[in-house]
Structures are given as C-alpha cells and as structure tokens.
Amino acid sequence: MDDLTVRIQTLNRRLALLERHTAEETAAIRAELAALQGHGPAPVAITVRKQAAAPAPARKPVDLSWLEGPTGLAVAGGAVTLLGIVFVFALAASRGWIGPAVRC
C-alpha cells in the first residue's frame, strides 16, 4: 500500500473512535438529564475532588518613591494650585464679585 492509503485508513479509524466516544458521551448526558427530570434511572454518582484553594498571590507593595523627588513636588504644587483656584472662585461667587452670567 502506498502512503496515502495508510493515512486514509488511519484517519478512518480515528474518526470511528471519535464517533463512538461521542455517542457514548451523548447517551450518558441524555440518561443523566432524564434522571434529573425524573423520567429515568438515577444517574451514576461521580465523585469530584475539591482542590485546595490556592493561596492568594502576595501583593506587591505600592511604590511611592516618586513622591520624594521633583515629580512629587510638581504634583503637590499642581494640586495646591487647583485647590487655590477653586477656593478663590467660591469666595468671589459668594461675595458677589462674579455675577450669575459669568458663573455659568
């Protein structure tokens, strides 16, 4: 026999094996479904082992070292400036320095 014939026969055997396994699984699923619905014999008990819960991965500590240098000072300065602008606007609005049209 040539190589192609051998390969075809091998594939045919594998396909027949897969079809047989699929038919067996389908029959088992249908029997279990019928048993759960109350129309057939009780399903075969299957024991399932519970795996031990994996320990939670250790959390990495938050790296705040960038706050020490110039970047941290720039962020702090930006936050303080923004708060200052908001407070000055609130003061101006409450004292009547800014009218309703400008507030909108």
C-alpha atoms as a PDB file:
ATOM      1  CA  MET A   1       0.000   0.000   0.000  1.00  0.00           C
ATOM      2  CA  ASP A   2       1.107   3.474  -0.621  1.00  0.00           C
ATOM      3  CA  ASP A   3       1.449   6.180   1.999  1.00  0.00           C
ATOM      4  CA  LEU A   4      -1.812   7.891   1.088  1.00  0.00           C
ATOM      5  CA  THR A   5      -3.867   4.730   1.591  1.00  0.00           C
ATOM      6  CA  VAL A   6      -2.313   4.148   5.019  1.00  0.00           C
ATOM      7  CA  ARG A   7      -3.045   7.718   6.059  1.00  0.00           C
ATOM      8  CA  ILE A   8      -6.678   7.438   4.908  1.00  0.00           C
ATOM      9  CA  GLN A   9      -7.174   4.181   6.841  1.00  0.00           C
ATOM     10  CA  THR A  10      -5.628   5.734   9.954  1.00  0.00           C
ATOM     11  CA  LEU A  11      -7.919   8.730   9.694  1.00  0.00           C
ATOM     12  CA  ASN A  12     -10.944   6.452   9.207  1.00  0.00           C
ATOM     13  CA  ARG A  13     -10.049   4.501  12.377  1.00  0.00           C
ATOM     14  CA  ARG A  14      -9.578   7.709  14.359  1.00  0.00           C
ATOM     15  CA  LEU A  15     -12.892   9.097  13.064  1.00  0.00           C
ATOM     16  CA  ALA A  16     -14.726   5.889  14.029  1.00  0.00           C
ATOM     17  CA  LEU A  17     -13.187   6.053  17.508  1.00  0.00           C
ATOM     18  CA  LEU A  18     -14.236   9.685  17.933  1.00  0.00           C
ATOM     19  CA  GLU A  19     -17.773   8.925  16.765  1.00  0.00           C
ATOM     20  CA  ARG A  20     -18.017   6.040  19.259  1.00  0.00           C
ATOM     21  CA  HIS A  21     -16.786   8.229  22.142  1.00  0.00           C
ATOM     22  CA  THR A  22     -19.206  10.996  21.139  1.00  0.00           C
ATOM     23  CA  ALA A  23     -22.133   8.567  21.012  1.00  0.00           C
ATOM     24  CA  GLU A  24     -21.252   7.208  24.469  1.00  0.00           C
ATOM     25  CA  GLU A  25     -20.984  10.709  25.948  1.00  0.00           C
ATOM     26  CA  THR A  26     -24.264  11.763  24.338  1.00  0.00           C
ATOM     27  CA  ALA A  27     -26.039   8.712  25.753  1.00  0.00           C
ATOM     28  CA  ALA A  28     -24.622   9.376  29.230  1.00  0.00           C
ATOM     29  CA  ILE A  29     -25.702  13.024  29.113  1.00  0.00           C
ATOM     30  CA  ARG A  30     -29.199  12.111  27.956  1.00  0.00           C
ATOM     31  CA  ALA A  31     -29.542   9.485  30.709  1.00  0.00           C
ATOM     32  CA  GLU A  32     -28.419  11.970  33.356  1.00  0.00           C
ATOM     33  CA  LEU A  33     -30.787  14.633  32.021  1.00  0.00           C
ATOM     34  CA  ALA A  34     -33.684  12.205  32.035  1.00  0.00           C
ATOM     35  CA  ALA A  35     -32.858  11.185  35.610  1.00  0.00           C
ATOM     36  CA  LEU A  36     -32.714  14.806  36.716  1.00  0.00           C
ATOM     37  CA  GLN A  37     -36.103  15.429  35.139  1.00  0.00           C
ATOM     38  CA  GLY A  38     -37.488  12.314  36.840  1.00  0.00           C
ATOM     39  CA  HIS A  39     -38.009  10.240  33.686  1.00  0.00           C
ATOM     40  CA  GLY A  40     -35.360   7.585  34.041  1.00  0.00           C
ATOM     41  CA  PRO A  41     -32.938   5.720  36.264  1.00  0.00           C
ATOM     42  CA  ALA A  42     -30.812   7.549  38.792  1.00  0.00           C
ATOM     43  CA  PRO A  43     -27.534   8.871  37.421  1.00  0.00           C
ATOM     44  CA  VAL A  44     -24.270   7.248  38.312  1.00  0.00           C
ATOM     45  CA  ALA A  45     -22.635   9.062  41.204  1.00  0.00           C
ATOM     46  CA  ILE A  46     -19.484  10.858  40.221  1.00  0.00           C
ATOM     47  CA  THR A  47     -17.066  11.860  42.939  1.00  0.00           C
ATOM     48  CA  VAL A  48     -15.392  15.186  42.492  1.00  0.00           C
ATOM     49  CA  ARG A  49     -12.317  16.053  44.454  1.00  0.00           C
ATOM     50  CA  LYS A  50     -12.153  19.571  45.706  1.00  0.00           C
ATOM     51  CA  GLN A  51      -8.812  21.133  45.126  1.00  0.00           C
ATOM     52  CA  ALA A  52      -7.267  23.024  47.963  1.00  0.00           C
ATOM     53  CA  ALA A  53      -7.681  26.731  47.492  1.00  0.00           C
ATOM     54  CA  ALA A  54      -4.560  28.230  46.073  1.00  0.00           C
ATOM     55  CA  PRO A  55      -3.009  30.793  48.349  1.00  0.00           C
ATOM     56  CA  ALA A  56      -3.608  34.341  47.265  1.00  0.00           C
ATOM     57  CA  PRO A  57      -0.622  35.804  45.479  1.00  0.00           C
ATOM     58  CA  ALA A  58       1.390  38.186  47.601  1.00  0.00           C
ATOM     59  CA  ARG A  59       0.507  41.798  46.887  1.00  0.00           C
ATOM     60  CA  LYS A  60       3.296  43.990  45.690  1.00  0.00           C
ATOM     61  CA  PRO A  61       3.892  46.987  47.928  1.00  0.00           C
ATOM     62  CA  VAL A  62       2.884  50.304  46.432  1.00  0.00           C
ATOM     63  CA  ASP A  63       5.928  52.212  45.243  1.00  0.00           C
ATOM     64  CA  LEU A  64       5.551  55.834  46.300  1.00  0.00           C
ATOM     65  CA  SER A  65       9.214  56.706  45.993  1.00  0.00           C
ATOM     66  CA  TRP A  66       8.461  59.008  43.064  1.00  0.00           C
ATOM     67  CA  LEU A  67       6.778  61.374  45.562  1.00  0.00           C
ATOM     68  CA  GLU A  68      10.161  62.181  47.115  1.00  0.00           C
ATOM     69  CA  GLY A  69      11.725  63.865  44.118  1.00  0.00           C
ATOM     70  CA  PRO A  70      10.836  66.713  41.800  1.00  0.00           C
ATOM     71  CA  THR A  71       7.896  64.832  40.325  1.00  0.00           C
ATOM     72  CA  GLY A  72       6.227  64.600  43.722  1.00  0.00           C
ATOM     73  CA  LEU A  73       6.757  68.307  44.308  1.00  0.00           C
ATOM     74  CA  ALA A  74       5.259  69.118  40.908  1.00  0.00           C
ATOM     75  CA  VAL A  75       2.171  67.006  41.631  1.00  0.00           C
ATOM     76  CA  ALA A  76       1.730  68.577  45.078  1.00  0.00           C
ATOM     77  CA  GLY A  77       2.150  72.064  43.610  1.00  0.00           C
ATOM     78  CA  GLY A  78      -0.419  71.371  40.889  1.00  0.00           C
ATOM     79  CA  ALA A  79      -2.946  70.073  43.423  1.00  0.00           C
ATOM     80  CA  VAL A  80      -2.457  73.096  45.705  1.00  0.00           C
ATOM     81  CA  THR A  81      -2.790  75.491  42.765  1.00  0.00           C
ATOM     82  CA  LEU A  82      -6.005  73.835  41.612  1.00  0.00           C
ATOM     83  CA  LEU A  83      -7.463  73.981  45.123  1.00  0.00           C
ATOM     84  CA  GLY A  84      -6.494  77.646  45.383  1.00  0.00           C
ATOM     85  CA  ILE A  85      -8.263  78.488  42.136  1.00  0.00           C
ATOM     86  CA  VAL A  86     -11.411  76.673  43.265  1.00  0.00           C
ATOM     87  CA  PHE A  87     -11.433  78.443  46.657  1.00  0.00           C
ATOM     88  CA  VAL A  88     -10.850  81.885  45.126  1.00  0.00           C
ATOM     89  CA  PHE A  89     -13.694  81.268  42.655  1.00  0.00           C
ATOM     90  CA  ALA A  90     -16.003  80.173  45.508  1.00  0.00           C
ATOM     91  CA  LEU A  91     -15.063  83.264  47.544  1.00  0.00           C
ATOM     92  CA  ALA A  92     -15.627  85.571  44.575  1.00  0.00           C
ATOM     93  CA  ALA A  93     -19.009  83.993  43.832  1.00  0.00           C
ATOM     94  CA  SER A  94     -20.172  84.247  47.439  1.00  0.00           C
ATOM     95  CA  ARG A  95     -19.119  87.925  47.760  1.00  0.00           C
ATOM     96  CA  GLY A  96     -20.794  88.939  44.536  1.00  0.00           C
ATOM     97  CA  TRP A  97     -17.581  89.747  42.635  1.00  0.00           C
ATOM     98  CA  ILE A  98     -18.665  87.342  39.904  1.00  0.00           C
ATOM     99  CA  GLY A  99     -22.186  87.679  38.538  1.00  0.00           C
ATOM    100  CA  PRO A 100     -24.565  84.848  37.577  1.00  0.00           C
ATOM    101  CA  ALA A 101     -23.757  85.163  33.868  1.00  0.00           C
ATOM    102  CA  VAL A 102     -20.026  84.636  34.448  1.00  0.00           C
ATOM    103  CA  ARG A 103     -20.608  81.706  36.814  1.00  0.00           C
ATOM    104  CA  CYS A 104     -22.368  79.767  34.080  1.00  0.00           C
END
